[in-house]
Amino acid sequence: MNTAIIGLGNIGSQLATNLTAGGQSIIVADRTLAKAEKLAGKLGGEAKPMPIADAISKADVVILAIYFDAIKELLATYRGALAGKIVVDPSNPLAPDGKGGFKKTIPADQSSGQLIAALLPEGAELVKAFGTLGAESLGSGVNRLNGLSGSGQSRCQAHCGKRLFACQSRRC
């Protein structure tokens, strides 16, 4: 299975680092190809940079390591290309509350998983994972499918769980 990481900020870059450290070949993509090329250059031959459209097209598993609102925009743009894919979403719909904490940016009776699942095309499967882990935790060896849930859960465990954290046996 081919895995693509879309979004190369703190979470996406750390996931890419973990996967390539575990000997996994991945696809990396960001709004600018230059950012993907830069990260791929640091990670070596296991990471292949591509534009977002190509990365989604070539991947079986698409990790959306971007903000919640950006995921909604990306799904509107690439909805048809995601049919039949496992879509991994680590996002949380949170924003600063002005008091040093965070607040939910969607109604209390909704979940980001419900909202994103409704935007996916038929045949795509959603997996919520990594949402409770910051980049620091991912970098320190806390490498597990934390809080794995959604329609693609068993398929992801069967087909991509080993891939997502193959690095455990090497460095974690």
Protein backbone atom coordinates (compact mmCIF):
# COMPACT_ATOMS: atom_id res chain seq x y z
CA MET A 1 0.00 0.00 0.00
CA ASN A 2 1.18 3.51 -0.77
CA THR A 3 0.91 6.11 1.99
CA ALA A 4 0.76 9.85 1.31
CA ILE A 5 1.09 12.55 3.93
CA ILE A 6 -0.64 15.77 2.94
CA GLY A 7 0.54 18.72 5.01
CA LEU A 8 4.10 18.93 6.24
CA GLY A 9 3.82 21.03 9.38
CA ASN A 10 4.73 19.67 12.80
CA ILE A 11 2.53 16.56 12.72
CA GLY A 12 2.99 15.70 9.03
CA SER A 13 6.76 16.14 9.14
CA GLN A 14 7.07 14.01 12.28
CA LEU A 15 4.89 11.23 10.83
CA ALA A 16 7.02 11.31 7.65
CA THR A 17 10.18 11.12 9.75
CA ASN A 18 8.85 8.16 11.75
CA LEU A 19 7.73 6.24 8.68
CA THR A 20 10.96 6.71 6.74
CA ALA A 21 13.01 5.88 9.87
CA GLY A 22 11.09 2.59 9.89
CA GLY A 23 12.13 1.91 6.29
CA GLN A 24 8.77 2.78 4.76
CA SER A 25 8.46 4.48 1.39
CA ILE A 26 6.02 7.38 1.51
CA ILE A 27 4.73 10.24 -0.59
CA VAL A 28 4.91 13.76 0.85
CA ALA A 29 2.86 16.70 -0.39
CA ASP A 30 2.12 20.24 0.72
CA ARG A 31 0.60 23.40 -0.74
CA THR A 32 3.94 24.07 -2.35
CA LEU A 33 5.97 21.36 -4.02
CA ALA A 34 9.13 23.11 -2.79
CA LYS A 35 8.22 22.32 0.83
CA ALA A 36 7.65 18.65 -0.04
CA GLU A 37 10.94 18.53 -1.95
CA LYS A 38 12.82 20.07 0.97
CA LEU A 39 11.47 17.52 3.46
CA ALA A 40 12.00 14.63 1.04
CA GLY A 41 15.61 15.75 0.61
CA LYS A 42 16.14 15.61 4.38
CA LEU A 43 14.48 12.20 4.70
CA GLY A 44 16.29 10.49 1.84
CA GLY A 45 15.09 8.16 -0.86
CA GLU A 46 12.13 6.73 1.07
CA ALA A 47 10.17 9.99 0.72
CA LYS A 48 8.94 11.06 -2.69
CA PRO A 49 7.66 14.62 -3.11
CA MET A 50 4.59 15.19 -5.27
CA PRO A 51 1.89 17.78 -5.84
CA ILE A 52 -1.20 17.09 -3.74
CA ALA A 53 -3.31 15.81 -6.67
CA ASP A 54 -0.63 13.29 -7.69
CA ALA A 55 -0.04 12.18 -4.10
CA ILE A 56 -3.74 11.45 -3.59
CA SER A 57 -3.94 9.67 -6.94
CA LYS A 58 -1.03 7.34 -6.17
CA ALA A 59 -1.84 6.63 -2.51
CA ASP A 60 -4.00 3.96 -0.91
CA VAL A 61 -3.75 5.65 2.49
CA VAL A 62 -3.95 9.44 2.69
CA ILE A 63 -2.97 11.10 5.98
CA LEU A 64 -4.44 14.61 6.13
CA ALA A 65 -2.01 16.37 8.48
CA ILE A 66 -3.65 19.76 8.01
CA TYR A 67 -6.04 21.95 10.01
CA PHE A 68 -9.68 20.95 10.29
CA ASP A 69 -10.98 23.80 8.10
CA ALA A 70 -8.30 23.08 5.49
CA ILE A 71 -9.43 19.42 5.42
CA LYS A 72 -12.94 20.53 4.49
CA GLU A 73 -11.54 22.60 1.61
CA LEU A 74 -9.24 19.79 0.45
CA LEU A 75 -12.12 17.29 0.47
CA ALA A 76 -14.24 19.62 -1.64
CA THR A 77 -11.42 19.89 -4.19
CA TYR A 78 -10.29 16.23 -4.31
CA ARG A 79 -13.46 14.40 -3.25
CA GLY A 80 -13.68 12.13 -6.29
CA ALA A 81 -10.00 11.17 -6.12
CA LEU A 82 -10.45 9.87 -2.56
CA ALA A 83 -12.97 7.13 -3.45
CA GLY A 84 -11.69 3.74 -2.29
CA LYS A 85 -8.95 5.22 -0.11
CA ILE A 86 -8.30 5.09 3.62
CA VAL A 87 -8.28 8.69 4.85
CA VAL A 88 -6.50 9.26 8.16
CA ASP A 89 -7.51 12.42 10.01
CA PRO A 90 -5.53 13.65 13.02
CA SER A 91 -7.24 17.06 13.17
CA ASN A 92 -9.08 18.57 16.08
CA PRO A 93 -11.59 21.42 15.65
CA LEU A 94 -10.05 23.60 18.37
CA ALA A 95 -9.06 27.25 18.70
CA PRO A 96 -7.68 29.36 21.57
CA ASP A 97 -10.42 30.38 24.00
CA GLY A 98 -8.75 33.65 25.02
CA LYS A 99 -8.20 32.39 28.58
CA GLY A 100 -5.11 30.27 27.96
CA GLY A 101 -7.07 27.18 26.95
CA PHE A 102 -8.88 25.90 23.91
CA LYS A 103 -12.49 25.73 22.75
CA LYS A 104 -14.26 23.55 20.22
CA THR A 105 -14.97 25.35 16.94
CA ILE A 106 -17.92 23.19 15.94
CA PRO A 107 -21.23 22.67 17.77
CA ALA A 108 -20.92 20.62 20.96
CA ASP A 109 -23.20 17.88 19.62
CA GLN A 110 -21.01 17.28 16.55
CA SER A 111 -17.67 15.57 16.06
CA SER A 112 -15.05 16.34 13.46
CA GLY A 113 -15.14 12.69 12.45
CA GLN A 114 -18.86 12.88 11.67
CA LEU A 115 -18.42 16.05 9.66
CA ILE A 116 -15.45 14.79 7.67
CA ALA A 117 -16.98 11.36 7.05
CA ALA A 118 -20.02 13.09 5.54
CA LEU A 119 -17.74 14.91 3.08
CA LEU A 120 -15.94 11.79 1.84
CA PRO A 121 -17.02 10.04 -1.35
CA GLU A 122 -18.64 6.64 -1.29
CA GLY A 123 -16.02 3.94 -0.84
CA ALA A 124 -13.59 6.10 1.15
CA GLU A 125 -13.01 5.06 4.75
CA LEU A 126 -12.19 7.48 7.55
CA VAL A 127 -9.81 6.70 10.38
CA LYS A 128 -9.34 9.20 13.22
CA ALA A 129 -5.82 8.79 14.58
CA PHE A 130 -3.02 10.82 16.18
CA GLY A 131 -5.45 13.53 17.31
CA THR A 132 -4.43 13.17 20.94
CA LEU A 133 -0.71 13.25 20.17
CA GLY A 134 1.32 16.37 19.56
CA ALA A 135 4.37 16.40 17.32
CA GLU A 136 6.58 16.23 20.41
CA SER A 137 4.95 12.99 21.53
CA LEU A 138 5.24 11.49 18.06
CA GLY A 139 8.91 12.45 18.03
CA SER A 140 9.63 11.03 21.47
CA GLY A 141 8.62 7.50 20.60
CA VAL A 142 4.95 7.53 21.57
CA ASN A 143 4.20 5.71 18.36
CA ARG A 144 0.87 3.98 18.26
CA LEU A 145 -2.44 4.38 16.53
CA ASN A 146 -3.87 6.37 19.41
CA GLY A 147 -7.63 6.65 19.52
CA LEU A 148 -8.06 4.77 16.26
CA SER A 149 -11.70 4.96 15.26
CA GLY A 150 -13.94 5.30 12.24
CA SER A 151 -15.26 3.30 9.32
CA GLY A 152 -11.78 2.36 8.09
CA GLN A 153 -10.52 1.20 11.48
CA SER A 154 -10.24 -2.55 10.79
CA ARG A 155 -9.04 -2.07 7.24
CA CYS A 156 -6.40 0.35 8.48
CA GLN A 157 -5.30 -2.00 11.26
CA ALA A 158 -5.09 -4.87 8.79
CA HIS A 159 -3.34 -3.01 5.98
CA CYS A 160 -1.60 0.07 7.29
CA GLY A 161 -1.15 -0.27 11.05
CA LYS A 162 2.22 -1.99 10.57
CA ARG A 163 3.25 0.61 8.00
CA LEU A 164 2.25 3.58 10.12
CA PHE A 165 4.53 2.59 12.94
CA ALA A 166 7.12 0.24 11.53
CA CYS A 167 9.67 2.50 13.17
CA GLN A 168 8.84 1.08 16.60
CA SER A 169 11.06 -1.91 15.99
CA ARG A 170 13.96 0.27 14.86
CA ARG A 171 14.15 3.30 17.08
CA CYS A 172 11.20 3.69 19.42
